[in-house]
């Protein structure tokens, strides 16, 4: 079943020159049909390394933010015919070896979305996750599970696989261009009742791996709580929020030329 699907790996990159090659080498080429990197106006040689490796590469000449980068990633993957899209950070914090398992869970039609969770098992702290990040992760996940009425081990992993059906349905263009984009997208998937699976994932924290500072983490946390409250109000009929309106989904945007300037 897996071989019948076109699988794309998207790499939202920002200053990933030092880790991109390691990430690329770990991607299972026997099942991945397309590798796409979107560079968000890096100041290093990420684009040159990507081109040297033969990766299909797009570059933003102005920084559009983490969420803005992913919007281009997903639109590009859909334009290039992907059936399953795996989003993997090119900073080598997550192992590419799980791509086969994650894609298989979607290809076999058991799930529509698969998350690689750092919290399942004991890998998070052992892999070097800062204690304050671990505690905030657990707190935010608990609150979000209560507010959205779901049960996930974490909502904050940056390693995710999506079916084409999900990407065409979610109004991701209405989401933030900042880090809370990830959380909004996952909350949208729950809102539209897509099936979400999780797989345990080891993680690595080291100087070259990307990580947001305490202040940006605080802003992200506030955004997560806001997203969860919006979800609850929308479900109760007490709000009408654009992130839960499917009038602007990736399905429509892929019909137009992707603007990379």
Protein backbone atom coordinates (compact mmCIF):
# COMPACT_ATOMS: atom_id res chain seq x y z
CA UNK A 1 0.00 0.00 0.00
CA UNK A 2 2.86 2.39 0.85
CA UNK A 3 4.40 2.04 -2.60
CA UNK A 4 1.11 3.08 -4.19
CA UNK A 5 1.30 6.52 -2.56
CA UNK A 6 3.53 9.43 -3.50
CA UNK A 7 5.33 10.45 -0.33
CA UNK A 8 6.90 13.88 0.06
CA UNK A 9 9.12 15.10 2.87
CA UNK A 10 9.07 18.86 3.43
CA UNK A 11 11.89 20.62 5.24
CA UNK A 12 11.06 24.11 6.57
CA UNK A 13 14.57 25.50 6.87
CA UNK A 14 16.18 28.48 8.55
CA UNK A 15 19.97 28.50 8.97
CA UNK A 16 20.16 24.72 8.70
CA UNK A 17 23.51 24.55 6.89
CA UNK A 18 25.26 22.55 9.63
CA UNK A 19 22.59 19.87 10.07
CA UNK A 20 20.87 19.57 6.70
CA UNK A 21 23.22 16.95 5.29
CA UNK A 22 22.75 14.66 8.30
CA UNK A 23 18.99 15.01 8.06
CA UNK A 24 18.98 14.33 4.33
CA UNK A 25 21.18 11.25 4.64
CA UNK A 26 18.77 9.74 7.18
CA UNK A 27 15.68 10.08 4.96
CA UNK A 28 14.63 6.64 3.62
CA UNK A 29 14.98 7.21 -0.14
CA UNK A 30 13.45 3.81 -0.91
CA UNK A 31 9.99 5.05 0.03
CA UNK A 32 10.25 8.85 -0.26
CA UNK A 33 9.45 10.16 -3.74
CA UNK A 34 10.00 13.88 -3.25
CA UNK A 35 12.08 16.00 -0.88
CA UNK A 36 11.26 19.71 -0.73
CA UNK A 37 13.14 22.37 1.19
CA UNK A 38 11.82 25.88 1.71
CA UNK A 39 14.48 28.27 2.96
CA UNK A 40 13.13 31.20 4.96
CA UNK A 41 15.75 33.81 4.05
CA UNK A 42 18.62 32.11 5.86
CA UNK A 43 21.84 34.02 6.39
CA UNK A 44 24.02 30.92 5.97
CA UNK A 45 24.54 28.47 3.08
CA UNK A 46 21.43 26.33 3.56
CA UNK A 47 20.29 26.81 -0.04
CA UNK A 48 23.71 25.92 -1.47
CA UNK A 49 23.89 22.72 0.59
CA UNK A 50 20.34 21.76 -0.40
CA UNK A 51 21.08 22.26 -4.09
CA UNK A 52 24.30 20.29 -3.78
CA UNK A 53 22.29 17.40 -2.33
CA UNK A 54 19.80 17.57 -5.19
CA UNK A 55 16.88 18.67 -3.03
CA UNK A 56 14.05 20.58 -4.71
CA UNK A 57 14.60 23.99 -3.15
CA UNK A 58 12.55 27.17 -2.83
CA UNK A 59 13.76 30.33 -1.14
CA UNK A 60 11.94 33.19 0.54
CA UNK A 61 13.97 36.35 0.06
CA UNK A 62 12.13 37.85 3.03
CA UNK A 63 11.64 35.93 6.25
CA UNK A 64 8.00 34.84 6.49
CA UNK A 65 8.17 33.08 9.83
CA UNK A 66 7.91 29.42 10.80
CA UNK A 67 4.24 29.21 9.90
CA UNK A 68 4.70 31.10 6.66
CA UNK A 69 7.46 28.67 5.71
CA UNK A 70 5.18 25.68 6.28
CA UNK A 71 2.41 27.19 4.19
CA UNK A 72 4.80 27.24 1.24
CA UNK A 73 6.00 23.71 2.09
CA UNK A 74 2.53 22.17 2.04
CA UNK A 75 1.29 24.09 -0.99
CA UNK A 76 4.39 23.04 -2.93
CA UNK A 77 4.03 19.38 -1.93
CA UNK A 78 0.40 19.35 -3.06
CA UNK A 79 1.30 21.05 -6.33
CA UNK A 80 3.90 18.34 -6.93
CA UNK A 81 1.34 15.57 -6.45
CA UNK A 82 2.03 14.29 -2.94
CA UNK A 83 -0.45 11.85 -1.38
CA UNK A 84 1.29 11.87 2.01
CA UNK A 85 3.39 14.75 3.32
CA UNK A 86 5.84 14.38 6.20
CA UNK A 87 7.07 17.59 7.82
CA UNK A 88 10.58 17.14 9.24
CA UNK A 89 12.81 19.82 10.70
CA UNK A 90 16.20 19.86 8.96
CA UNK A 91 18.04 20.57 12.23
CA UNK A 92 18.40 16.83 13.01
CA UNK A 93 16.51 17.13 16.28
CA UNK A 94 14.12 14.39 15.12
CA UNK A 95 15.29 11.13 13.56
CA UNK A 96 14.27 10.72 9.89
CA UNK A 97 14.13 6.95 10.46
CA UNK A 98 10.49 7.19 11.57
CA UNK A 99 9.28 8.47 8.19
CA UNK A 100 8.49 4.96 6.94
CA UNK A 101 6.39 4.09 10.00
CA UNK A 102 4.56 7.41 10.01
CA UNK A 103 3.76 7.30 6.29
CA UNK A 104 2.64 3.66 6.57
CA UNK A 105 0.09 4.50 9.26
CA UNK A 106 -1.54 6.91 6.81
CA UNK A 107 -1.07 4.76 3.69
CA UNK A 108 -2.86 1.87 5.39
CA UNK A 109 -5.75 4.26 6.07
CA UNK A 110 -5.65 3.79 9.83
CA UNK A 111 -4.99 7.50 10.46
CA UNK A 112 -5.20 10.80 8.60
CA UNK A 113 -2.51 12.51 10.69
CA UNK A 114 0.45 10.98 12.54
CA UNK A 115 2.52 12.77 15.17
CA UNK A 116 6.00 11.76 16.34
CA UNK A 117 5.66 12.37 20.08
CA UNK A 118 8.66 13.17 22.26
CA UNK A 119 6.58 12.58 25.38
CA UNK A 120 5.55 8.96 24.75
CA UNK A 121 8.23 6.90 26.46
CA UNK A 122 11.13 8.52 28.32
CA UNK A 123 13.00 10.19 25.46
CA UNK A 124 12.28 13.88 26.05
CA UNK A 125 14.37 14.66 29.13
CA UNK A 126 16.92 11.98 28.24
CA UNK A 127 17.39 13.68 24.87
CA UNK A 128 18.17 16.98 26.56
CA UNK A 129 14.83 18.77 26.51
CA UNK A 130 15.13 21.67 28.99
CA UNK A 131 13.09 21.04 32.13
CA UNK A 132 11.04 24.23 31.75
CA UNK A 133 10.09 23.18 28.21
CA UNK A 134 9.08 19.73 29.42
CA UNK A 135 6.92 21.13 32.23
CA UNK A 136 5.27 23.71 29.97
CA UNK A 137 4.68 21.02 27.34
CA UNK A 138 2.90 18.80 29.84
CA UNK A 139 0.85 21.69 31.25
CA UNK A 140 -0.25 23.01 27.87
CA UNK A 141 -1.08 19.52 26.63
CA UNK A 142 -3.22 18.84 29.71
CA UNK A 143 -5.14 22.10 29.31
CA UNK A 144 -5.57 21.63 25.58
CA UNK A 145 -6.83 18.07 25.95
CA UNK A 146 -9.46 19.34 28.38
CA UNK A 147 -10.53 22.27 26.20
CA UNK A 148 -10.70 20.45 22.88
CA UNK A 149 -11.98 17.17 24.29
CA UNK A 150 -9.22 15.05 22.78
CA UNK A 151 -6.37 12.97 24.18
CA UNK A 152 -2.85 13.36 22.82
CA UNK A 153 0.47 12.92 24.58
CA UNK A 154 1.67 16.25 23.14
CA UNK A 155 0.53 18.95 20.75
CA UNK A 156 3.93 20.55 20.23
CA UNK A 157 6.06 18.16 18.20
CA UNK A 158 7.49 19.51 14.96
CA UNK A 159 7.47 16.09 13.29
CA UNK A 160 4.16 15.32 11.59
CA UNK A 161 2.68 13.38 8.68
CA UNK A 162 -0.48 14.42 6.85
CA UNK A 163 -2.67 12.85 4.20
CA UNK A 164 -3.42 14.90 1.13
CA UNK A 165 -7.09 14.90 2.12
CA UNK A 166 -6.28 16.69 5.37
CA UNK A 167 -4.03 19.28 3.75
CA UNK A 168 -6.69 20.08 1.15
CA UNK A 169 -9.37 20.45 3.81
CA UNK A 170 -7.71 22.52 6.54
CA UNK A 171 -7.83 26.34 6.26
CA UNK A 172 -4.11 26.63 6.98
CA UNK A 173 -3.78 29.92 5.11
CA UNK A 174 -5.81 31.52 7.90
CA UNK A 175 -3.25 30.43 10.48
CA UNK A 176 -0.48 32.46 12.04
CA UNK A 177 2.88 32.81 10.32
CA UNK A 178 4.57 32.37 13.70
CA UNK A 179 5.30 29.25 15.79
CA UNK A 180 1.70 28.77 16.93
CA UNK A 181 0.91 27.70 13.35
CA UNK A 182 1.71 24.10 14.31
CA UNK A 183 -0.77 24.12 17.16
CA UNK A 184 -3.48 25.80 15.12
CA UNK A 185 -3.10 23.22 12.37
CA UNK A 186 -3.37 20.30 14.77
CA UNK A 187 -6.37 21.87 16.50
CA UNK A 188 -8.01 22.31 13.11
CA UNK A 189 -7.49 18.61 12.39
CA UNK A 190 -9.29 17.78 15.64
CA UNK A 191 -12.07 20.26 14.86
CA UNK A 192 -12.70 18.60 11.50
CA UNK A 193 -12.58 15.17 13.17
CA UNK A 194 -9.64 13.68 11.33
CA UNK A 195 -8.07 10.56 12.85
CA UNK A 196 -4.82 11.34 14.66
CA UNK A 197 -2.24 8.73 15.62
CA UNK A 198 1.00 9.04 17.59
CA UNK A 199 4.33 7.24 17.55
CA UNK A 200 7.10 7.50 20.13
CA UNK A 201 10.06 9.57 18.94
CA UNK A 202 13.50 10.13 20.48
CA UNK A 203 14.76 13.69 20.22
CA UNK A 204 18.09 15.45 20.45
CA UNK A 205 18.85 18.88 21.88
CA UNK A 206 22.26 20.28 20.92
CA UNK A 207 23.64 23.74 20.03
CA UNK A 208 22.94 23.45 16.28
CA UNK A 209 19.35 22.29 16.77
CA UNK A 210 16.75 25.03 16.45
CA UNK A 211 14.95 26.08 19.60
CA UNK A 212 12.99 29.15 20.58
CA UNK A 213 13.99 31.14 23.65
CA UNK A 214 11.98 31.58 26.84
CA UNK A 215 10.23 34.76 25.68
CA UNK A 216 9.15 33.23 22.36
CA UNK A 217 8.08 30.09 24.23
CA UNK A 218 5.88 32.26 26.46
CA UNK A 219 4.27 33.92 23.43
CA UNK A 220 3.73 30.48 21.91
CA UNK A 221 2.09 29.22 25.11
CA UNK A 222 -0.33 32.14 25.15
CA UNK A 223 -1.15 31.41 21.50
CA UNK A 224 -1.85 27.76 22.32
CA UNK A 225 -4.28 28.72 25.07
CA UNK A 226 -5.98 31.25 22.77
CA UNK A 227 -6.34 28.61 20.05
CA UNK A 228 -7.86 26.12 22.50
CA UNK A 229 -10.35 28.67 23.83
CA UNK A 230 -11.33 29.62 20.27
CA UNK A 231 -11.92 25.94 19.52
CA UNK A 232 -14.20 25.58 22.55
CA UNK A 233 -16.17 28.75 21.74
CA UNK A 234 -16.54 27.72 18.09
CA UNK A 235 -17.84 24.28 19.08
CA UNK A 236 -20.31 25.88 21.49
CA UNK A 237 -21.58 28.24 18.80
CA UNK A 238 -20.30 31.26 20.71
CA UNK A 239 -17.64 32.33 18.23
CA UNK A 240 -16.77 32.42 14.55
CA UNK A 241 -13.00 32.23 14.06
CA UNK A 242 -11.25 32.22 10.69
CA UNK A 243 -8.93 29.35 11.60
CA UNK A 244 -11.98 27.07 11.68
CA UNK A 245 -13.45 28.35 8.41
CA UNK A 246 -12.72 26.08 5.46
CA UNK A 247 -13.37 28.81 2.92
CA UNK A 248 -9.61 29.36 2.65
CA UNK A 249 -7.93 25.97 2.48
CA UNK A 250 -4.76 24.86 0.74
CA UNK A 251 -7.01 23.24 -1.87
CA UNK A 252 -7.74 26.64 -3.35
CA UNK A 253 -4.33 28.19 -3.02
CA UNK A 254 -2.50 25.48 -4.99
CA UNK A 255 -4.37 26.55 -8.11
CA UNK A 256 -2.42 29.81 -8.13
CA UNK A 257 1.28 30.40 -8.65
CA UNK A 258 3.24 30.05 -5.45
CA UNK A 259 4.86 33.41 -4.80
CA UNK A 260 8.50 32.98 -3.79
CA UNK A 261 10.09 36.42 -3.71
